[in-house]
């Protein structure tokens, strides 16, 4: 149980870090990107601006590295961490934000 609390605490840190990026918040507010159930950010729009693509790729790479670190520390798979992170991200998404669940984008 302690490991699970540590895992959830680390996941909160990941999302707190990304929440401070003004460009990320703007892109979410504009409906360009949203949170996916797999713990990563995805593109809601078919042709996002290049700077948003670069931002999302950077954040997703950092998330992947952190998920791998958390998985190794807790003796679980990265996929398990991704599922937990995805649930947390969807829960933290503000009303009106885009979330990807069940194979499609919807607003929360």
Protein backbone atom coordinates (compact mmCIF):
# COMPACT_ATOMS: atom_id res chain seq x y z
CA UNK A 1 0.00 0.00 0.00
CA UNK A 2 2.88 2.34 0.77
CA UNK A 3 4.32 1.75 -2.71
CA UNK A 4 0.97 2.60 -4.25
CA UNK A 5 0.84 5.87 -2.30
CA UNK A 6 4.38 6.68 -3.46
CA UNK A 7 3.39 5.83 -7.03
CA UNK A 8 0.33 8.06 -6.91
CA UNK A 9 2.37 10.86 -5.35
CA UNK A 10 4.91 10.66 -8.14
CA UNK A 11 2.16 10.72 -10.74
CA UNK A 12 0.72 13.85 -9.17
CA UNK A 13 4.13 15.50 -9.49
CA UNK A 14 4.22 14.69 -13.19
CA UNK A 15 0.87 16.33 -13.80
CA UNK A 16 1.65 19.28 -11.55
CA UNK A 17 4.79 19.90 -13.62
CA UNK A 18 2.94 19.87 -16.91
CA UNK A 19 0.13 22.03 -15.53
CA UNK A 20 2.51 24.98 -15.25
CA UNK A 21 3.26 25.10 -18.95
CA UNK A 22 1.21 28.02 -20.26
CA UNK A 23 1.44 26.78 -23.84
CA UNK A 24 0.12 23.41 -22.77
CA UNK A 25 -2.80 24.99 -20.94
CA UNK A 26 -3.58 27.20 -23.93
CA UNK A 27 -3.51 24.28 -26.33
CA UNK A 28 -5.83 22.32 -24.04
CA UNK A 29 -8.18 25.30 -23.66
CA UNK A 30 -8.24 25.76 -27.43
CA UNK A 31 -9.20 22.11 -27.94
CA UNK A 32 -6.01 21.29 -29.83
CA UNK A 33 -4.83 18.61 -27.39
CA UNK A 34 -6.23 16.55 -24.54
CA UNK A 35 -5.42 13.83 -22.07
CA UNK A 36 -5.58 10.20 -23.16
CA UNK A 37 -6.52 7.21 -21.04
CA UNK A 38 -3.03 5.78 -21.57
CA UNK A 39 -1.37 8.56 -19.56
CA UNK A 40 -0.17 10.62 -22.50
CA UNK A 41 -1.31 13.76 -24.28
CA UNK A 42 -2.90 13.40 -27.70
CA UNK A 43 -3.95 15.61 -30.57
CA UNK A 44 -7.65 16.38 -30.80
CA UNK A 45 -7.19 18.32 -34.03
CA UNK A 46 -5.86 16.65 -37.16
CA UNK A 47 -3.23 19.29 -37.95
CA UNK A 48 -1.91 20.88 -34.76
CA UNK A 49 0.63 23.72 -34.97
CA UNK A 50 4.28 22.62 -35.09
CA UNK A 51 5.11 24.24 -31.74
CA UNK A 52 2.30 22.29 -30.08
CA UNK A 53 3.52 19.05 -31.68
CA UNK A 54 7.00 19.69 -30.30
CA UNK A 55 5.61 20.50 -26.85
CA UNK A 56 3.48 17.35 -26.75
CA UNK A 57 6.33 15.14 -27.94
CA UNK A 58 8.59 16.60 -25.24
CA UNK A 59 6.03 16.17 -22.46
CA UNK A 60 5.13 12.64 -23.56
CA UNK A 61 8.82 11.66 -23.65
CA UNK A 62 9.27 12.99 -20.12
CA UNK A 63 6.15 11.20 -18.95
CA UNK A 64 7.34 7.93 -20.53
CA UNK A 65 10.71 8.23 -18.79
CA UNK A 66 9.03 8.94 -15.47
CA UNK A 67 6.59 6.05 -15.93
CA UNK A 68 9.55 3.74 -16.57
CA UNK A 69 11.30 5.02 -13.45
CA UNK A 70 8.18 4.56 -11.32
CA UNK A 71 7.59 1.08 -12.74
CA UNK A 72 11.14 -0.03 -12.00
CA UNK A 73 11.00 1.43 -8.49
CA UNK A 74 7.74 -0.38 -7.72
CA UNK A 75 8.36 -3.66 -9.54
CA UNK A 76 5.48 -3.22 -11.97
CA UNK A 77 5.27 -2.69 -15.71
CA UNK A 78 5.28 0.67 -17.44
CA UNK A 79 1.87 -0.26 -18.88
CA UNK A 80 0.47 -0.55 -15.36
CA UNK A 81 1.83 2.89 -14.49
CA UNK A 82 0.40 4.32 -17.72
CA UNK A 83 -3.06 3.04 -16.81
CA UNK A 84 -2.88 4.61 -13.35
CA UNK A 85 -1.53 7.86 -14.77
CA UNK A 86 -4.23 7.92 -17.43
CA UNK A 87 -6.96 7.54 -14.83
CA UNK A 88 -5.42 10.35 -12.79
CA UNK A 89 -5.06 12.61 -15.84
CA UNK A 90 -8.66 12.07 -16.93
CA UNK A 91 -9.89 12.75 -13.41
CA UNK A 92 -7.86 15.98 -13.21
CA UNK A 93 -8.98 17.29 -16.59
CA UNK A 94 -11.12 20.38 -16.14
CA UNK A 95 -14.72 20.44 -17.24
CA UNK A 96 -14.87 21.24 -20.94
CA UNK A 97 -11.42 19.75 -21.58
CA UNK A 98 -10.91 16.97 -24.10
CA UNK A 99 -10.30 13.40 -22.97
CA UNK A 100 -9.69 10.31 -25.10
CA UNK A 101 -11.54 7.26 -23.85
CA UNK A 102 -13.15 4.32 -25.57
CA UNK A 103 -11.45 5.14 -28.86
CA UNK A 104 -12.77 8.67 -29.27
CA UNK A 105 -12.36 12.24 -28.08
CA UNK A 106 -15.07 13.73 -25.89
CA UNK A 107 -15.37 16.77 -23.70
CA UNK A 108 -15.47 16.23 -20.00
